Amino acid sequence: MKQDAAYFEGKEPVLIYIAKKLKDALRLEDILTAGNIDFGVEADEYRGGVIFRSVRAGAFFYVLPEHVEAAHEVLRRNNYTPFVGEAPTV
């Protein structure tokens, strides 16, 4: 279920996915909710492009550390590749 910022207060949320399109973000919200995963989502910027690099906006999905494995499993079952690694910097 989608949570507000207060849910993550004093904790270190883990980035699990960056949706690059609104349609993708809305679908992922439904998938995570159906999978009983508590998550947060916020708009942020990332760098994209191969030849012409640019700063783009996306929906960044976060969960608490204890829910990362379950969230990754839900993503994989629905043909999403979970984000693993350091959060991108702009």
PDB file of N, CA and C in Angstrom:
ATOM      1  N   MET A   1       0.836  -1.167   0.000  1.00  0.00           N
ATOM      2  CA  MET A   1       0.000   0.000   0.000  1.00  0.00           C
ATOM      3  C   MET A   1       0.891   1.245   0.000  1.00  0.00           C
ATOM      4  N   LYS A   2       0.500   2.247  -0.734  1.00  0.00           N
ATOM      5  CA  LYS A   2       1.263   3.491  -0.837  1.00  0.00           C
ATOM      6  C   LYS A   2       1.256   4.209   0.509  1.00  0.00           C
ATOM      7  N   GLN A   3       2.443   4.598   0.951  1.00  0.00           N
ATOM      8  CA  GLN A   3       2.613   5.266   2.238  1.00  0.00           C
ATOM      9  C   GLN A   3       3.117   6.694   2.025  1.00  0.00           C
ATOM     10  N   ASP A   4       2.839   7.554   3.002  1.00  0.00           N
ATOM     11  CA  ASP A   4       3.356   8.918   2.912  1.00  0.00           C
ATOM     12  C   ASP A   4       4.733   8.999   3.567  1.00  0.00           C
ATOM     13  N   ALA A   5       5.344  10.157   3.525  1.00  0.00           N
ATOM     14  CA  ALA A   5       6.712  10.345   4.011  1.00  0.00           C
ATOM     15  C   ALA A   5       6.866  10.006   5.492  1.00  0.00           C
ATOM     16  N   ALA A   6       5.840  10.227   6.291  1.00  0.00           N
ATOM     17  CA  ALA A   6       5.919   9.953   7.728  1.00  0.00           C
ATOM     18  C   ALA A   6       6.213   8.479   8.013  1.00  0.00           C
ATOM     19  N   TYR A   7       5.760   7.589   7.155  1.00  0.00           N
ATOM     20  CA  TYR A   7       5.991   6.147   7.314  1.00  0.00           C
ATOM     21  C   TYR A   7       7.492   5.831   7.301  1.00  0.00           C
ATOM     22  N   PHE A   8       8.267   6.588   6.565  1.00  0.00           N
ATOM     23  CA  PHE A   8       9.703   6.342   6.405  1.00  0.00           C
ATOM     24  C   PHE A   8      10.555   7.180   7.360  1.00  0.00           C
ATOM     25  N   GLU A   9       9.924   8.018   8.176  1.00  0.00           N
ATOM     26  CA  GLU A   9      10.642   8.923   9.058  1.00  0.00           C
ATOM     27  C   GLU A   9      11.539   8.155  10.023  1.00  0.00           C
ATOM     28  N   GLY A  10      12.810   8.536  10.061  1.00  0.00           N
ATOM     29  CA  GLY A  10      13.773   7.903  10.946  1.00  0.00           C
ATOM     30  C   GLY A  10      14.277   6.557  10.452  1.00  0.00           C
ATOM     31  N   LYS A  11      13.921   6.184   9.226  1.00  0.00           N
ATOM     32  CA  LYS A  11      14.340   4.904   8.652  1.00  0.00           C
ATOM     33  C   LYS A  11      15.048   5.168   7.330  1.00  0.00           C
ATOM     34  N   GLU A  12      15.756   4.190   6.817  1.00  0.00           N
ATOM     35  CA  GLU A  12      16.466   4.311   5.549  1.00  0.00           C
ATOM     36  C   GLU A  12      15.722   3.554   4.455  1.00  0.00           C
ATOM     37  N   PRO A  13      14.879   4.224   3.675  1.00  0.00           N
ATOM     38  CA  PRO A  13      14.184   3.523   2.593  1.00  0.00           C
ATOM     39  C   PRO A  13      15.162   3.072   1.511  1.00  0.00           C
ATOM     40  N   VAL A  14      14.798   1.988   0.823  1.00  0.00           N
ATOM     41  CA  VAL A  14      15.636   1.414  -0.227  1.00  0.00           C
ATOM     42  C   VAL A  14      14.938   1.600  -1.566  1.00  0.00           C
ATOM     43  N   LEU A  15      15.659   2.134  -2.541  1.00  0.00           N
ATOM     44  CA  LEU A  15      15.137   2.323  -3.890  1.00  0.00           C
ATOM     45  C   LEU A  15      15.001   0.966  -4.572  1.00  0.00           C
ATOM     46  N   ILE A  16      13.788   0.660  -5.058  1.00  0.00           N
ATOM     47  CA  ILE A  16      13.576  -0.633  -5.722  1.00  0.00           C
ATOM     48  C   ILE A  16      13.278  -0.495  -7.206  1.00  0.00           C
ATOM     49  N   TYR A  17      12.838   0.694  -7.649  1.00  0.00           N
ATOM     50  CA  TYR A  17      12.489   0.843  -9.064  1.00  0.00           C
ATOM     51  C   TYR A  17      12.366   2.320  -9.418  1.00  0.00           C
ATOM     52  N   ILE A  18      12.743   2.653 -10.650  1.00  0.00           N
ATOM     53  CA  ILE A  18      12.528   3.998 -11.187  1.00  0.00           C
ATOM     54  C   ILE A  18      11.630   3.857 -12.412  1.00  0.00           C
ATOM     55  N   ALA A  19      10.410   4.362 -12.305  1.00  0.00           N
ATOM     56  CA  ALA A  19       9.473   4.340 -13.437  1.00  0.00           C
ATOM     57  C   ALA A  19       9.732   5.586 -14.274  1.00  0.00           C
ATOM     58  N   LYS A  20       9.956   5.367 -15.542  1.00  0.00           N
ATOM     59  CA  LYS A  20      10.296   6.470 -16.429  1.00  0.00           C
ATOM     60  C   LYS A  20       9.083   7.070 -17.127  1.00  0.00           C
ATOM     61  N   LYS A  21       7.953   6.371 -17.043  1.00  0.00           N
ATOM     62  CA  LYS A  21       6.714   6.854 -17.663  1.00  0.00           C
ATOM     63  C   LYS A  21       5.585   6.783 -16.641  1.00  0.00           C
ATOM     64  N   LEU A  22       4.652   7.726 -16.736  1.00  0.00           N
ATOM     65  CA  LEU A  22       3.532   7.779 -15.805  1.00  0.00           C
ATOM     66  C   LEU A  22       2.716   6.493 -15.843  1.00  0.00           C
ATOM     67  N   LYS A  23       2.453   5.988 -17.024  1.00  0.00           N
ATOM     68  CA  LYS A  23       1.669   4.756 -17.177  1.00  0.00           C
ATOM     69  C   LYS A  23       2.327   3.603 -16.420  1.00  0.00           C
ATOM     70  N   ASP A  24       3.630   3.511 -16.523  1.00  0.00           N
ATOM     71  CA  ASP A  24       4.396   2.475 -15.839  1.00  0.00           C
ATOM     72  C   ASP A  24       4.308   2.655 -14.318  1.00  0.00           C
ATOM     73  N   ALA A  25       4.420   3.884 -13.849  1.00  0.00           N
ATOM     74  CA  ALA A  25       4.349   4.175 -12.415  1.00  0.00           C
ATOM     75  C   ALA A  25       2.974   3.807 -11.847  1.00  0.00           C
ATOM     76  N   LEU A  26       1.924   4.160 -12.556  1.00  0.00           N
ATOM     77  CA  LEU A  26       0.574   3.849 -12.080  1.00  0.00           C
ATOM     78  C   LEU A  26       0.339   2.342 -12.032  1.00  0.00           C
ATOM     79  N   ARG A  27       0.831   1.633 -13.028  1.00  0.00           N
ATOM     80  CA  ARG A  27       0.694   0.178 -13.052  1.00  0.00           C
ATOM     81  C   ARG A  27       1.460  -0.450 -11.888  1.00  0.00           C
ATOM     82  N   LEU A  28       2.662   0.041 -11.645  1.00  0.00           N
ATOM     83  CA  LEU A  28       3.474  -0.497 -10.566  1.00  0.00           C
ATOM     84  C   LEU A  28       2.841  -0.225  -9.199  1.00  0.00           C
ATOM     85  N   GLU A  29       2.223   0.914  -9.021  1.00  0.00           N
ATOM     86  CA  GLU A  29       1.506   1.183  -7.769  1.00  0.00           C
ATOM     87  C   GLU A  29       0.439   0.123  -7.535  1.00  0.00           C
ATOM     88  N   ASP A  30      -0.316  -0.212  -8.572  1.00  0.00           N
ATOM     89  CA  ASP A  30      -1.352  -1.244  -8.453  1.00  0.00           C
ATOM     90  C   ASP A  30      -0.748  -2.606  -8.140  1.00  0.00           C
ATOM     91  N   ILE A  31       0.348  -2.942  -8.785  1.00  0.00           N
ATOM     92  CA  ILE A  31       1.004  -4.237  -8.583  1.00  0.00           C
ATOM     93  C   ILE A  31       1.522  -4.366  -7.149  1.00  0.00           C
ATOM     94  N   LEU A  32       2.193  -3.329  -6.653  1.00  0.00           N
ATOM     95  CA  LEU A  32       2.725  -3.377  -5.292  1.00  0.00           C
ATOM     96  C   LEU A  32       1.610  -3.415  -4.256  1.00  0.00           C
ATOM     97  N   THR A  33       0.547  -2.685  -4.489  1.00  0.00           N
ATOM     98  CA  THR A  33      -0.598  -2.704  -3.575  1.00  0.00           C
ATOM     99  C   THR A  33      -1.230  -4.087  -3.550  1.00  0.00           C
ATOM    100  N   ALA A  34      -1.430  -4.701  -4.716  1.00  0.00           N
ATOM    101  CA  ALA A  34      -2.004  -6.045  -4.794  1.00  0.00           C
ATOM    102  C   ALA A  34      -1.093  -7.077  -4.125  1.00  0.00           C
ATOM    103  N   GLY A  35       0.217  -6.822  -4.123  1.00  0.00           N
ATOM    104  CA  GLY A  35       1.171  -7.721  -3.494  1.00  0.00           C
ATOM    105  C   GLY A  35       1.360  -7.455  -2.007  1.00  0.00           C
ATOM    106  N   ASN A  36       0.547  -6.568  -1.438  1.00  0.00           N
ATOM    107  CA  ASN A  36       0.624  -6.200  -0.011  1.00  0.00           C
ATOM    108  C   ASN A  36       2.002  -5.668   0.384  1.00  0.00           C
ATOM    109  N   ILE A  37       2.592  -4.877  -0.494  1.00  0.00           N
ATOM    110  CA  ILE A  37       3.890  -4.263  -0.225  1.00  0.00           C
ATOM    111  C   ILE A  37       3.661  -2.803   0.150  1.00  0.00           C
ATOM    112  N   ASP A  38       4.163  -2.396   1.329  1.00  0.00           N
ATOM    113  CA  ASP A  38       4.126  -0.985   1.709  1.00  0.00           C
ATOM    114  C   ASP A  38       5.269  -0.286   0.996  1.00  0.00           C
ATOM    115  N   PHE A  39       4.965   0.802   0.300  1.00  0.00           N
ATOM    116  CA  PHE A  39       5.961   1.499  -0.498  1.00  0.00           C
ATOM    117  C   PHE A  39       5.723   2.993  -0.474  1.00  0.00           C
ATOM    118  N   GLY A  40       6.759   3.723  -0.819  1.00  0.00           N
ATOM    119  CA  GLY A  40       6.666   5.160  -1.011  1.00  0.00           C
ATOM    120  C   GLY A  40       7.093   5.464  -2.427  1.00  0.00           C
ATOM    121  N   VAL A  41       6.575   6.537  -2.958  1.00  0.00           N
ATOM    122  CA  VAL A  41       6.941   6.936  -4.312  1.00  0.00           C
ATOM    123  C   VAL A  41       7.090   8.452  -4.330  1.00  0.00           C
ATOM    124  N   GLU A  42       8.129   8.913  -5.025  1.00  0.00           N
ATOM    125  CA  GLU A  42       8.324  10.356  -5.160  1.00  0.00           C
ATOM    126  C   GLU A  42       8.910  10.661  -6.530  1.00  0.00           C
ATOM    127  N   ALA A  43       8.579  11.820  -7.021  1.00  0.00           N
ATOM    128  CA  ALA A  43       9.147  12.265  -8.299  1.00  0.00           C
ATOM    129  C   ALA A  43      10.550  12.782  -8.032  1.00  0.00           C
ATOM    130  N   ASP A  44      11.455  12.421  -8.922  1.00  0.00           N
ATOM    131  CA  ASP A  44      12.834  12.878  -8.804  1.00  0.00           C
ATOM    132  C   ASP A  44      13.459  12.882 -10.195  1.00  0.00           C
ATOM    133  N   GLU A  45      14.695  13.302 -10.282  1.00  0.00           N
ATOM    134  CA  GLU A  45      15.383  13.369 -11.572  1.00  0.00           C
ATOM    135  C   GLU A  45      16.457  12.297 -11.667  1.00  0.00           C
ATOM    136  N   TYR A  46      16.687  11.824 -12.885  1.00  0.00           N
ATOM    137  CA  TYR A  46      17.753  10.873 -13.168  1.00  0.00           C
ATOM    138  C   TYR A  46      18.364  11.248 -14.512  1.00  0.00           C
ATOM    139  N   ARG A  47      19.522  10.719 -14.797  1.00  0.00           N
ATOM    140  CA  ARG A  47      20.165  10.956 -16.084  1.00  0.00           C
ATOM    141  C   ARG A  47      19.827   9.800 -17.015  1.00  0.00           C
ATOM    142  N   GLY A  48      19.447  10.119 -18.247  1.00  0.00           N
ATOM    143  CA  GLY A  48      19.087   9.096 -19.221  1.00  0.00           C
ATOM    144  C   GLY A  48      19.655   9.417 -20.587  1.00  0.00           C
ATOM    145  N   GLY A  49      19.557   8.438 -21.472  1.00  0.00           N
ATOM    146  CA  GLY A  49      20.047   8.612 -22.834  1.00  0.00           C
ATOM    147  C   GLY A  49      21.424   7.998 -23.007  1.00  0.00           C
ATOM    148  N   VAL A  50      21.703   7.581 -24.224  1.00  0.00           N
ATOM    149  CA  VAL A  50      22.993   6.962 -24.515  1.00  0.00           C
ATOM    150  C   VAL A  50      23.892   7.964 -25.230  1.00  0.00           C
ATOM    151  N   ILE A  51      23.431   8.475 -26.326  1.00  0.00           N
ATOM    152  CA  ILE A  51      24.227   9.435 -27.089  1.00  0.00           C
ATOM    153  C   ILE A  51      24.003  10.849 -26.560  1.00  0.00           C
ATOM    154  N   PHE A  52      22.743  11.221 -26.412  1.00  0.00           N
ATOM    155  CA  PHE A  52      22.392  12.546 -25.922  1.00  0.00           C
ATOM    156  C   PHE A  52      21.891  12.426 -24.489  1.00  0.00           C
ATOM    157  N   ARG A  53      22.797  12.489 -23.529  1.00  0.00           N
ATOM    158  CA  ARG A  53      22.453  12.388 -22.115  1.00  0.00           C
ATOM    159  C   ARG A  53      21.670  13.620 -21.688  1.00  0.00           C
ATOM    160  N   SER A  54      20.653  13.389 -20.881  1.00  0.00           N
ATOM    161  CA  SER A  54      19.865  14.506 -20.375  1.00  0.00           C
ATOM    162  C   SER A  54      19.289  14.142 -19.017  1.00  0.00           C
ATOM    163  N   VAL A  55      18.845  15.152 -18.302  1.00  0.00           N
ATOM    164  CA  VAL A  55      18.196  14.956 -17.017  1.00  0.00           C
ATOM    165  C   VAL A  55      16.710  14.781 -17.285  1.00  0.00           C
ATOM    166  N   ARG A  56      16.149  13.715 -16.713  1.00  0.00           N
ATOM    167  CA  ARG A  56      14.736  13.397 -16.921  1.00  0.00           C
ATOM    168  C   ARG A  56      14.052  13.182 -15.581  1.00  0.00           C
ATOM    169  N   ALA A  57      12.739  13.275 -15.566  1.00  0.00           N
ATOM    170  CA  ALA A  57      11.967  13.049 -14.341  1.00  0.00           C
ATOM    171  C   ALA A  57      11.399  11.638 -14.345  1.00  0.00           C
ATOM    172  N   GLY A  58      11.329  11.046 -13.167  1.00  0.00           N
ATOM    173  CA  GLY A  58      10.763   9.709 -13.036  1.00  0.00           C
ATOM    174  C   GLY A  58      10.125   9.545 -11.675  1.00  0.00           C
ATOM    175  N   ALA A  59       9.442   8.426 -11.484  1.00  0.00           N
ATOM    176  CA  ALA A  59       8.836   8.088 -10.202  1.00  0.00           C
ATOM    177  C   ALA A  59       9.740   7.065  -9.518  1.00  0.00           C
ATOM    178  N   PHE A  60      10.284   7.431  -8.381  1.00  0.00           N
ATOM    179  CA  PHE A  60      11.201   6.584  -7.636  1.00  0.00           C
ATOM    180  C   PHE A  60      10.413   5.837  -6.560  1.00  0.00           C
ATOM    181  N   PHE A  61      10.482   4.510  -6.584  1.00  0.00           N
ATOM    182  CA  PHE A  61       9.740   3.664  -5.646  1.00  0.00           C
ATOM    183  C   PHE A  61      10.678   3.163  -4.555  1.00  0.00           C
ATOM    184  N   TYR A  62      10.249   3.298  -3.304  1.00  0.00           N
ATOM    185  CA  TYR A  62      11.044   2.920  -2.145  1.00  0.00           C
ATOM    186  C   TYR A  62      10.266   1.981  -1.233  1.00  0.00           C
ATOM    187  N   VAL A  63      11.006   1.101  -0.544  1.00  0.00           N
ATOM    188  CA  VAL A  63      10.438   0.263   0.522  1.00  0.00           C
ATOM    189  C   VAL A  63      11.416   0.274   1.688  1.00  0.00           C
ATOM    190  N   LEU A  64      10.957  -0.211   2.838  1.00  0.00           N
ATOM    191  CA  LEU A  64      11.847  -0.363   3.978  1.00  0.00           C
ATOM    192  C   LEU A  64      12.759  -1.571   3.748  1.00  0.00           C
ATOM    193  N   PRO A  65      13.945  -1.568   4.351  1.00  0.00           N
ATOM    194  CA  PRO A  65      14.906  -2.660   4.113  1.00  0.00           C
ATOM    195  C   PRO A  65      14.338  -4.054   4.340  1.00  0.00           C
ATOM    196  N   GLU A  66      13.478  -4.221   5.329  1.00  0.00           N
ATOM    197  CA  GLU A  66      12.935  -5.547   5.618  1.00  0.00           C
ATOM    198  C   GLU A  66      11.934  -6.033   4.566  1.00  0.00           C
ATOM    199  N   HIS A  67      11.534  -5.157   3.639  1.00  0.00           N
ATOM    200  CA  HIS A  67      10.573  -5.534   2.602  1.00  0.00           C
ATOM    201  C   HIS A  67      11.196  -5.622   1.198  1.00  0.00           C
ATOM    202  N   VAL A  68      12.505  -5.427   1.109  1.00  0.00           N
ATOM    203  CA  VAL A  68      13.169  -5.398  -0.200  1.00  0.00           C
ATOM    204  C   VAL A  68      12.999  -6.712  -0.947  1.00  0.00           C
ATOM    205  N   GLU A  69      13.283  -7.834  -0.309  1.00  0.00           N
ATOM    206  CA  GLU A  69      13.206  -9.131  -0.996  1.00  0.00           C
ATOM    207  C   GLU A  69      11.793  -9.418  -1.498  1.00  0.00           C
ATOM    208  N   ALA A  70      10.785  -9.162  -0.674  1.00  0.00           N
ATOM    209  CA  ALA A  70       9.396  -9.392  -1.085  1.00  0.00           C
ATOM    210  C   ALA A  70       9.020  -8.476  -2.247  1.00  0.00           C
ATOM    211  N   ALA A  71       9.463  -7.222  -2.180  1.00  0.00           N
ATOM    212  CA  ALA A  71       9.169  -6.269  -3.258  1.00  0.00           C
ATOM    213  C   ALA A  71       9.849  -6.696  -4.554  1.00  0.00           C
ATOM    214  N   HIS A  72      11.100  -7.136  -4.468  1.00  0.00           N
ATOM    215  CA  HIS A  72      11.811  -7.606  -5.664  1.00  0.00           C
ATOM    216  C   HIS A  72      11.101  -8.803  -6.280  1.00  0.00           C
ATOM    217  N   GLU A  73      10.604  -9.701  -5.461  1.00  0.00           N
ATOM    218  CA  GLU A  73       9.888 -10.877  -5.969  1.00  0.00           C
ATOM    219  C   GLU A  73       8.615 -10.455  -6.703  1.00  0.00           C
ATOM    220  N   VAL A  74       7.871  -9.518  -6.134  1.00  0.00           N
ATOM    221  CA  VAL A  74       6.648  -9.018  -6.787  1.00  0.00           C
ATOM    222  C   VAL A  74       7.003  -8.364  -8.120  1.00  0.00           C
ATOM    223  N   LEU A  75       8.070  -7.580  -8.144  1.00  0.00           N
ATOM    224  CA  LEU A  75       8.495  -6.941  -9.390  1.00  0.00           C
ATOM    225  C   LEU A  75       8.840  -7.987 -10.450  1.00  0.00           C
ATOM    226  N   ARG A  76       9.640  -8.969 -10.071  1.00  0.00           N
ATOM    227  CA  ARG A  76      10.054 -10.002 -11.035  1.00  0.00           C
ATOM    228  C   ARG A  76       8.864 -10.792 -11.577  1.00  0.00           C
ATOM    229  N   ARG A  77       7.926 -11.133 -10.702  1.00  0.00           N
ATOM    230  CA  ARG A  77       6.735 -11.885 -11.142  1.00  0.00           C
ATOM    231  C   ARG A  77       5.925 -11.111 -12.164  1.00  0.00           C
ATOM    232  N   ASN A  78       6.059  -9.797 -12.146  1.00  0.00           N
ATOM    233  CA  ASN A  78       5.295  -8.946 -13.063  1.00  0.00           C
ATOM    234  C   ASN A  78       6.166  -8.355 -14.165  1.00  0.00           C
ATOM    235  N   ASN A  79       7.288  -9.012 -14.448  1.00  0.00           N
ATOM    236  CA  ASN A  79       8.188  -8.643 -15.547  1.00  0.00           C
ATOM    237  C   ASN A  79       8.843  -7.275 -15.400  1.00  0.00           C
ATOM    238  N   TYR A  80       9.119  -6.872 -14.159  1.00  0.00           N
ATOM    239  CA  TYR A  80       9.892  -5.664 -13.888  1.00  0.00           C
ATOM    240  C   TYR A  80      11.263  -6.091 -13.390  1.00  0.00           C
ATOM    241  N   THR A  81      12.285  -5.333 -13.732  1.00  0.00           N
ATOM    242  CA  THR A  81      13.628  -5.604 -13.243  1.00  0.00           C
ATOM    243  C   THR A  81      13.886  -4.659 -12.071  1.00  0.00           C
ATOM    244  N   PRO A  82      14.054  -5.203 -10.857  1.00  0.00           N
ATOM    245  CA  PRO A  82      14.275  -4.344  -9.693  1.00  0.00           C
ATOM    246  C   PRO A  82      15.564  -3.537  -9.812  1.00  0.00           C
ATOM    247  N   PHE A  83      15.555  -2.358  -9.260  1.00  0.00           N
ATOM    248  CA  PHE A  83      16.748  -1.522  -9.197  1.00  0.00           C
ATOM    249  C   PHE A  83      17.624  -2.062  -8.076  1.00  0.00           C
ATOM    250  N   VAL A  84      18.888  -2.318  -8.373  1.00  0.00           N
ATOM    251  CA  VAL A  84      19.841  -2.774  -7.369  1.00  0.00           C
ATOM    252  C   VAL A  84      21.086  -1.922  -7.515  1.00  0.00           C
ATOM    253  N   GLY A  85      21.540  -1.358  -6.420  1.00  0.00           N
ATOM    254  CA  GLY A  85      22.743  -0.539  -6.466  1.00  0.00           C
ATOM    255  C   GLY A  85      22.528   0.796  -5.802  1.00  0.00           C
ATOM    256  N   GLU A  86      23.432   1.700  -6.082  1.00  0.00           N
ATOM    257  CA  GLU A  86      23.371   3.037  -5.505  1.00  0.00           C
ATOM    258  C   GLU A  86      22.315   3.874  -6.213  1.00  0.00           C
ATOM    259  N   ALA A  87      21.650   4.728  -5.460  1.00  0.00           N
ATOM    260  CA  ALA A  87      20.669   5.636  -6.050  1.00  0.00           C
ATOM    261  C   ALA A  87      21.387   6.567  -7.022  1.00  0.00           C
ATOM    262  N   PRO A  88      20.786   6.817  -8.188  1.00  0.00           N
ATOM    263  CA  PRO A  88      21.420   7.687  -9.177  1.00  0.00           C
ATOM    264  C   PRO A  88      21.517   9.124  -8.677  1.00  0.00           C
ATOM    265  N   THR A  89      22.564   9.800  -9.077  1.00  0.00           N
ATOM    266  CA  THR A  89      22.725  11.202  -8.739  1.00  0.00           C
ATOM    267  C   THR A  89      22.594  12.044  -9.998  1.00  0.00           C
ATOM    268  N   VAL A  90      22.138  13.242  -9.812  1.00  0.00           N
ATOM    269  CA  VAL A  90      21.962  14.135 -10.946  1.00  0.00           C
ATOM    270  C   VAL A  90      23.003  15.211 -10.903  1.00  0.00           C
TER     271      VAL A  90
END
